[in-house]
Amino acid sequence: MNTFKKFLTLVILLSLSTVSYAASERDRMNIFLSNFTEVSLFNFDIDDGEASDTLHLGNPENIDSLIYFGVAHNFINNKKLIQKCKDKDCGTMYTISYSSVAASVKKYFDIDLGKVSKGEISSEITFDGKNFHFDAPIGTDDTIYYADIKEVDQEGKLITMTGEIYNIKNKKDRPATFIAQALPYKWNGKKTWSIYLFKTEWKDD
């Protein structure tokens, strides 16, 4: 093979590698964002502001929403962490440990869950000081949505992703658009992102 052909082959291989890597990275981003949409977290940020149209998850008063995410996320994606409640007076079907919920909150939001008081967290979740108790299904509404990223931009470390929300049972059903922002982040030594904000605009609104 002459020098020009070798060079052309190298350029083609590098181009294919670049396209494949970009597609793989976007797939990972779609999965990352879909962790929020599948549990119906469509409008939030991690600021610590007061109540508004956006859920501020950095505000300690909204700890119930962080706990809900941790419980629902694991119920959908990490069944091995979910236990049947063994207490005959439990009153709920399932439990999950505080540590498992706190780990999910830290992984996706880079927020320390901190101390949680015993008792009712929400109408769906209670806490006994060690485990969260809940009934199934949680985080599994009749219609589950995923994120489909169309554009990705980066300014400094802040990554902005825009795209469409789609029904996982019908990909043509795309009732909303979104903008999400995240920061590069390492979790257990692996590169990922921590979410900063997610805003959804429904087409019927």
C-alpha atoms as a PDB file:
ATOM      1  CA  MET A   1       0.000   0.000   0.000  1.00  0.00           C
ATOM      2  CA  ASN A   2       1.484   3.379  -1.017  1.00  0.00           C
ATOM      3  CA  THR A   3       1.933   6.267   1.433  1.00  0.00           C
ATOM      4  CA  PHE A   4      -1.147   8.183   0.242  1.00  0.00           C
ATOM      5  CA  LYS A   5      -3.414   5.145   0.608  1.00  0.00           C
ATOM      6  CA  LYS A   6      -2.007   4.482   4.092  1.00  0.00           C
ATOM      7  CA  PHE A   7      -2.692   8.089   5.034  1.00  0.00           C
ATOM      8  CA  LEU A   8      -6.243   7.944   3.614  1.00  0.00           C
ATOM      9  CA  THR A   9      -6.960   4.701   5.477  1.00  0.00           C
ATOM     10  CA  LEU A  10      -5.716   6.262   8.713  1.00  0.00           C
ATOM     11  CA  VAL A  11      -7.924   9.340   8.224  1.00  0.00           C
ATOM     12  CA  ILE A  12     -10.992   7.143   7.599  1.00  0.00           C
ATOM     13  CA  LEU A  13     -10.285   5.004  10.678  1.00  0.00           C
ATOM     14  CA  LEU A  14      -9.788   8.075  12.842  1.00  0.00           C
ATOM     15  CA  SER A  15     -13.031   9.580  11.521  1.00  0.00           C
ATOM     16  CA  LEU A  16     -14.960   6.408  12.252  1.00  0.00           C
ATOM     17  CA  SER A  17     -13.457   6.273  15.730  1.00  0.00           C
ATOM     18  CA  THR A  18     -14.444   9.880  16.380  1.00  0.00           C
ATOM     19  CA  VAL A  19     -18.037   9.342  15.170  1.00  0.00           C
ATOM     20  CA  SER A  20     -18.365   6.164  17.221  1.00  0.00           C
ATOM     21  CA  TYR A  21     -17.029   7.859  20.346  1.00  0.00           C
ATOM     22  CA  ALA A  22     -19.372  10.838  19.907  1.00  0.00           C
ATOM     23  CA  ALA A  23     -22.368   8.538  19.451  1.00  0.00           C
ATOM     24  CA  SER A  24     -21.363   6.502  22.495  1.00  0.00           C
ATOM     25  CA  GLU A  25     -20.986   9.638  24.612  1.00  0.00           C
ATOM     26  CA  ARG A  26     -24.393  10.917  23.521  1.00  0.00           C
ATOM     27  CA  ASP A  27     -25.958   7.552  24.344  1.00  0.00           C
ATOM     28  CA  ARG A  28     -24.472   7.793  27.844  1.00  0.00           C
ATOM     29  CA  MET A  29     -25.846  11.312  28.200  1.00  0.00           C
ATOM     30  CA  ASN A  30     -29.310  10.128  27.108  1.00  0.00           C
ATOM     31  CA  ILE A  31     -29.227   7.385  29.723  1.00  0.00           C
ATOM     32  CA  PHE A  32     -28.035   9.856  32.365  1.00  0.00           C
ATOM     33  CA  LEU A  33     -30.895  12.292  31.681  1.00  0.00           C
ATOM     34  CA  SER A  34     -33.486   9.536  31.343  1.00  0.00           C
ATOM     35  CA  ASN A  35     -32.823   8.580  34.960  1.00  0.00           C
ATOM     36  CA  PHE A  36     -34.663  11.791  35.873  1.00  0.00           C
ATOM     37  CA  THR A  37     -37.470  11.706  33.309  1.00  0.00           C
ATOM     38  CA  GLU A  38     -38.414   8.079  34.011  1.00  0.00           C
ATOM     39  CA  VAL A  39     -39.308   9.069  37.593  1.00  0.00           C
ATOM     40  CA  SER A  40     -41.130  12.217  36.399  1.00  0.00           C
ATOM     41  CA  LEU A  41     -38.519  14.763  37.473  1.00  0.00           C
ATOM     42  CA  PHE A  42     -38.953  17.245  34.637  1.00  0.00           C
ATOM     43  CA  ASN A  43     -38.355  20.683  36.162  1.00  0.00           C
ATOM     44  CA  PHE A  44     -35.715  21.190  38.814  1.00  0.00           C
ATOM     45  CA  ASP A  45     -32.297  22.574  39.638  1.00  0.00           C
ATOM     46  CA  ILE A  46     -29.872  22.114  42.515  1.00  0.00           C
ATOM     47  CA  ASP A  47     -30.056  25.704  43.768  1.00  0.00           C
ATOM     48  CA  ASP A  48     -31.193  26.390  47.320  1.00  0.00           C
ATOM     49  CA  GLY A  49     -33.856  28.987  46.460  1.00  0.00           C
ATOM     50  CA  GLU A  50     -37.382  29.261  47.769  1.00  0.00           C
ATOM     51  CA  ALA A  51     -40.420  27.638  46.168  1.00  0.00           C
ATOM     52  CA  SER A  52     -41.174  28.664  42.570  1.00  0.00           C
ATOM     53  CA  ASP A  53     -42.163  27.044  39.288  1.00  0.00           C
ATOM     54  CA  THR A  54     -38.874  25.152  39.496  1.00  0.00           C
ATOM     55  CA  LEU A  55     -38.123  22.602  42.210  1.00  0.00           C
ATOM     56  CA  HIS A  56     -34.915  23.677  43.988  1.00  0.00           C
ATOM     57  CA  LEU A  57     -33.340  20.450  45.184  1.00  0.00           C
ATOM     58  CA  GLY A  58     -30.528  22.262  46.972  1.00  0.00           C
ATOM     59  CA  ASN A  59     -33.085  23.607  49.442  1.00  0.00           C
ATOM     60  CA  PRO A  60     -33.229  21.342  52.538  1.00  0.00           C
ATOM     61  CA  GLU A  61     -37.017  21.738  52.556  1.00  0.00           C
ATOM     62  CA  ASN A  62     -37.128  19.662  49.349  1.00  0.00           C
ATOM     63  CA  ILE A  63     -35.277  16.664  50.752  1.00  0.00           C
ATOM     64  CA  ASP A  64     -38.429  14.578  50.191  1.00  0.00           C
ATOM     65  CA  SER A  65     -37.953  14.954  46.407  1.00  0.00           C
ATOM     66  CA  LEU A  66     -34.332  13.792  46.622  1.00  0.00           C
ATOM     67  CA  ILE A  67     -35.439  10.791  48.667  1.00  0.00           C
ATOM     68  CA  TYR A  68     -38.214  10.057  46.188  1.00  0.00           C
ATOM     69  CA  PHE A  69     -35.643  10.063  43.368  1.00  0.00           C
ATOM     70  CA  GLY A  70     -33.342   7.714  45.273  1.00  0.00           C
ATOM     71  CA  VAL A  71     -36.135   5.287  46.084  1.00  0.00           C
ATOM     72  CA  ALA A  72     -37.810   5.364  42.656  1.00  0.00           C
ATOM     73  CA  HIS A  73     -34.532   5.196  40.728  1.00  0.00           C
ATOM     74  CA  ASN A  74     -33.431   2.094  42.583  1.00  0.00           C
ATOM     75  CA  PHE A  75     -36.851   0.475  42.404  1.00  0.00           C
ATOM     76  CA  ILE A  76     -36.661   0.743  38.604  1.00  0.00           C
ATOM     77  CA  ASN A  77     -32.957   0.120  38.020  1.00  0.00           C
ATOM     78  CA  ASN A  78     -31.477  -1.722  41.016  1.00  0.00           C
ATOM     79  CA  LYS A  79     -33.932  -4.362  42.141  1.00  0.00           C
ATOM     80  CA  LYS A  80     -31.250  -6.140  44.184  1.00  0.00           C
ATOM     81  CA  LEU A  81     -31.241  -3.207  46.602  1.00  0.00           C
ATOM     82  CA  ILE A  82     -34.972  -3.510  47.273  1.00  0.00           C
ATOM     83  CA  GLN A  83     -36.062  -5.784  50.120  1.00  0.00           C
ATOM     84  CA  LYS A  84     -39.453  -7.145  51.079  1.00  0.00           C
ATOM     85  CA  CYS A  85     -40.455  -5.679  54.421  1.00  0.00           C
ATOM     86  CA  LYS A  86     -40.155  -8.493  56.989  1.00  0.00           C
ATOM     87  CA  ASP A  87     -41.814  -6.717  59.901  1.00  0.00           C
ATOM     88  CA  LYS A  88     -45.382  -8.006  60.259  1.00  0.00           C
ATOM     89  CA  ASP A  89     -46.448  -4.525  61.369  1.00  0.00           C
ATOM     90  CA  CYS A  90     -44.548  -2.834  58.576  1.00  0.00           C
ATOM     91  CA  GLY A  91     -47.550  -1.515  56.676  1.00  0.00           C
ATOM     92  CA  THR A  92     -45.639  -1.347  53.379  1.00  0.00           C
ATOM     93  CA  MET A  93     -44.391  -3.894  50.882  1.00  0.00           C
ATOM     94  CA  TYR A  94     -40.775  -2.831  50.394  1.00  0.00           C
ATOM     95  CA  THR A  95     -37.751  -1.223  52.039  1.00  0.00           C
ATOM     96  CA  ILE A  96     -34.455   0.225  50.840  1.00  0.00           C
ATOM     97  CA  SER A  97     -31.545   1.308  53.001  1.00  0.00           C
ATOM     98  CA  TYR A  98     -30.679   4.913  53.716  1.00  0.00           C
ATOM     99  CA  SER A  99     -27.166   4.305  52.332  1.00  0.00           C
ATOM    100  CA  SER A 100     -28.510   3.132  48.953  1.00  0.00           C
ATOM    101  CA  VAL A 101     -30.758   6.170  48.575  1.00  0.00           C
ATOM    102  CA  ALA A 102     -28.023   8.550  49.731  1.00  0.00           C
ATOM    103  CA  ALA A 103     -25.581   7.014  47.242  1.00  0.00           C
ATOM    104  CA  SER A 104     -27.977   7.604  44.332  1.00  0.00           C
ATOM    105  CA  VAL A 105     -28.568  11.206  45.389  1.00  0.00           C
ATOM    106  CA  LYS A 106     -24.825  11.812  45.597  1.00  0.00           C
ATOM    107  CA  LYS A 107     -24.179  10.045  42.280  1.00  0.00           C
ATOM    108  CA  TYR A 108     -26.658  12.024  40.193  1.00  0.00           C
ATOM    109  CA  PHE A 109     -26.906  15.379  42.007  1.00  0.00           C
ATOM    110  CA  ASP A 110     -23.585  15.585  43.892  1.00  0.00           C
ATOM    111  CA  ILE A 111     -25.646  16.432  46.967  1.00  0.00           C
ATOM    112  CA  ASP A 112     -25.105  14.879  50.399  1.00  0.00           C
ATOM    113  CA  LEU A 113     -28.458  13.656  51.656  1.00  0.00           C
ATOM    114  CA  GLY A 114     -27.544  14.324  55.289  1.00  0.00           C
ATOM    115  CA  LYS A 115     -29.659  13.552  58.324  1.00  0.00           C
ATOM    116  CA  VAL A 116     -33.225  12.379  57.729  1.00  0.00           C
ATOM    117  CA  SER A 117     -35.796  12.493  60.516  1.00  0.00           C
ATOM    118  CA  LYS A 118     -37.836   9.409  61.319  1.00  0.00           C
ATOM    119  CA  GLY A 119     -41.429   9.322  60.199  1.00  0.00           C
ATOM    120  CA  GLU A 120     -43.386  10.190  57.083  1.00  0.00           C
ATOM    121  CA  ILE A 121     -41.295  11.602  54.241  1.00  0.00           C
ATOM    122  CA  SER A 122     -44.221  11.877  51.860  1.00  0.00           C
ATOM    123  CA  SER A 123     -47.541  10.176  51.237  1.00  0.00           C
ATOM    124  CA  GLU A 124     -45.552   7.342  49.594  1.00  0.00           C
ATOM    125  CA  ILE A 125     -42.433   6.973  51.767  1.00  0.00           C
ATOM    126  CA  THR A 126     -41.655   6.631  55.489  1.00  0.00           C
ATOM    127  CA  PHE A 127     -38.317   6.315  57.295  1.00  0.00           C
ATOM    128  CA  ASP A 128     -37.539   4.235  60.375  1.00  0.00           C
ATOM    129  CA  GLY A 129     -34.073   5.660  61.007  1.00  0.00           C
ATOM    130  CA  LYS A 130     -32.305   3.040  58.904  1.00  0.00           C
ATOM    131  CA  ASN A 131     -34.541   2.099  55.976  1.00  0.00           C
ATOM    132  CA  PHE A 132     -37.098   3.820  53.786  1.00  0.00           C
ATOM    133  CA  HIS A 133     -40.447   2.021  53.512  1.00  0.00           C
ATOM    134  CA  PHE A 134     -42.727   2.232  50.494  1.00  0.00           C
ATOM    135  CA  ASP A 135     -45.276   0.404  48.409  1.00  0.00           C
ATOM    136  CA  ALA A 136     -44.832  -0.572  44.762  1.00  0.00           C
ATOM    137  CA  PRO A 137     -45.058   0.679  42.161  1.00  0.00           C
ATOM    138  CA  ILE A 138     -43.185   3.904  42.800  1.00  0.00           C
ATOM    139  CA  GLY A 139     -41.768   5.973  39.981  1.00  0.00           C
ATOM    140  CA  THR A 140     -43.578   3.850  37.419  1.00  0.00           C
ATOM    141  CA  ASP A 141     -46.438   5.919  36.046  1.00  0.00           C
ATOM    142  CA  ASP A 142     -48.448   4.528  33.138  1.00  0.00           C
ATOM    143  CA  THR A 143     -46.408   6.620  30.700  1.00  0.00           C
ATOM    144  CA  ILE A 144     -42.643   6.643  31.151  1.00  0.00           C
ATOM    145  CA  TYR A 145     -40.548   9.155  29.280  1.00  0.00           C
ATOM    146  CA  TYR A 146     -36.915   9.164  28.196  1.00  0.00           C
ATOM    147  CA  ALA A 147     -34.671  11.949  26.932  1.00  0.00           C
ATOM    148  CA  ASP A 148     -33.413  12.185  23.350  1.00  0.00           C
ATOM    149  CA  ILE A 149     -30.586  14.717  23.040  1.00  0.00           C
ATOM    150  CA  LYS A 150     -30.390  16.704  19.808  1.00  0.00           C
ATOM    151  CA  GLU A 151     -27.621  19.180  20.598  1.00  0.00           C
ATOM    152  CA  VAL A 152     -24.787  19.375  23.096  1.00  0.00           C
ATOM    153  CA  ASP A 153     -22.769  22.502  23.841  1.00  0.00           C
ATOM    154  CA  GLN A 154     -20.083  23.173  26.405  1.00  0.00           C
ATOM    155  CA  GLU A 155     -18.871  26.416  27.923  1.00  0.00           C
ATOM    156  CA  GLY A 156     -16.081  25.868  30.400  1.00  0.00           C
ATOM    157  CA  LYS A 157     -17.126  22.831  32.418  1.00  0.00           C
ATOM    158  CA  LEU A 158     -20.863  23.447  32.053  1.00  0.00           C
ATOM    159  CA  ILE A 159     -22.468  21.102  29.514  1.00  0.00           C
ATOM    160  CA  THR A 160     -25.825  22.123  28.003  1.00  0.00           C
ATOM    161  CA  MET A 161     -28.001  19.460  26.386  1.00  0.00           C
ATOM    162  CA  THR A 162     -31.207  20.148  24.476  1.00  0.00           C
ATOM    163  CA  GLY A 163     -33.623  17.684  22.957  1.00  0.00           C
ATOM    164  CA  GLU A 164     -37.007  15.988  23.104  1.00  0.00           C
ATOM    165  CA  ILE A 165     -38.911  13.926  25.645  1.00  0.00           C
ATOM    166  CA  TYR A 166     -40.390  10.732  24.196  1.00  0.00           C
ATOM    167  CA  ASN A 167     -42.710   7.950  25.321  1.00  0.00           C
ATOM    168  CA  ILE A 168     -40.690   4.734  25.677  1.00  0.00           C
ATOM    169  CA  LYS A 169     -43.629   2.718  24.303  1.00  0.00           C
ATOM    170  CA  ASN A 170     -44.018   4.973  21.269  1.00  0.00           C
ATOM    171  CA  LYS A 171     -40.923   6.895  20.146  1.00  0.00           C
ATOM    172  CA  LYS A 172     -43.037   9.034  17.829  1.00  0.00           C
ATOM    173  CA  ASP A 173     -44.912  10.371  20.857  1.00  0.00           C
ATOM    174  CA  ARG A 174     -42.727  13.377  21.736  1.00  0.00           C
ATOM    175  CA  PRO A 175     -44.844  15.751  23.811  1.00  0.00           C
ATOM    176  CA  ALA A 176     -42.086  18.010  25.120  1.00  0.00           C
ATOM    177  CA  THR A 177     -38.675  19.564  24.632  1.00  0.00           C
ATOM    178  CA  PHE A 178     -36.031  20.016  27.320  1.00  0.00           C
ATOM    179  CA  ILE A 179     -32.870  21.824  28.246  1.00  0.00           C
ATOM    180  CA  ALA A 180     -30.539  20.266  30.778  1.00  0.00           C
ATOM    181  CA  GLN A 181     -27.208  21.334  32.226  1.00  0.00           C
ATOM    182  CA  ALA A 182     -24.642  19.166  33.968  1.00  0.00           C
ATOM    183  CA  LEU A 183     -21.044  19.175  35.114  1.00  0.00           C
ATOM    184  CA  PRO A 184     -18.347  16.534  34.564  1.00  0.00           C
ATOM    185  CA  TYR A 185     -18.116  14.337  37.620  1.00  0.00           C
ATOM    186  CA  LYS A 186     -16.409  11.177  38.825  1.00  0.00           C
ATOM    187  CA  TRP A 187     -18.344   8.508  40.680  1.00  0.00           C
ATOM    188  CA  ASN A 188     -16.481   5.498  42.023  1.00  0.00           C
ATOM    189  CA  GLY A 189     -13.590   6.370  39.704  1.00  0.00           C
ATOM    190  CA  LYS A 190     -15.776   6.490  36.571  1.00  0.00           C
ATOM    191  CA  LYS A 191     -16.445   9.569  34.472  1.00  0.00           C
ATOM    192  CA  THR A 192     -20.047  10.715  34.505  1.00  0.00           C
ATOM    193  CA  TRP A 193     -21.952  13.954  35.165  1.00  0.00           C
ATOM    194  CA  SER A 194     -23.777  15.626  38.025  1.00  0.00           C
ATOM    195  CA  ILE A 195     -27.006  17.340  37.039  1.00  0.00           C
ATOM    196  CA  TYR A 196     -27.344  21.097  37.518  1.00  0.00           C
ATOM    197  CA  LEU A 197     -30.766  21.770  36.046  1.00  0.00           C
ATOM    198  CA  PHE A 198     -33.490  20.191  33.939  1.00  0.00           C
ATOM    199  CA  LYS A 199     -36.311  22.207  32.398  1.00  0.00           C
ATOM    200  CA  THR A 200     -39.113  20.808  30.252  1.00  0.00           C
ATOM    201  CA  GLU A 201     -41.578  22.616  28.021  1.00  0.00           C
ATOM    202  CA  TRP A 202     -44.682  20.607  27.194  1.00  0.00           C
ATOM    203  CA  LYS A 203     -46.118  21.323  23.761  1.00  0.00           C
ATOM    204  CA  ASP A 204     -49.704  21.549  25.052  1.00  0.00           C
ATOM    205  CA  ASP A 205     -48.805  24.202  27.651  1.00  0.00           C
END
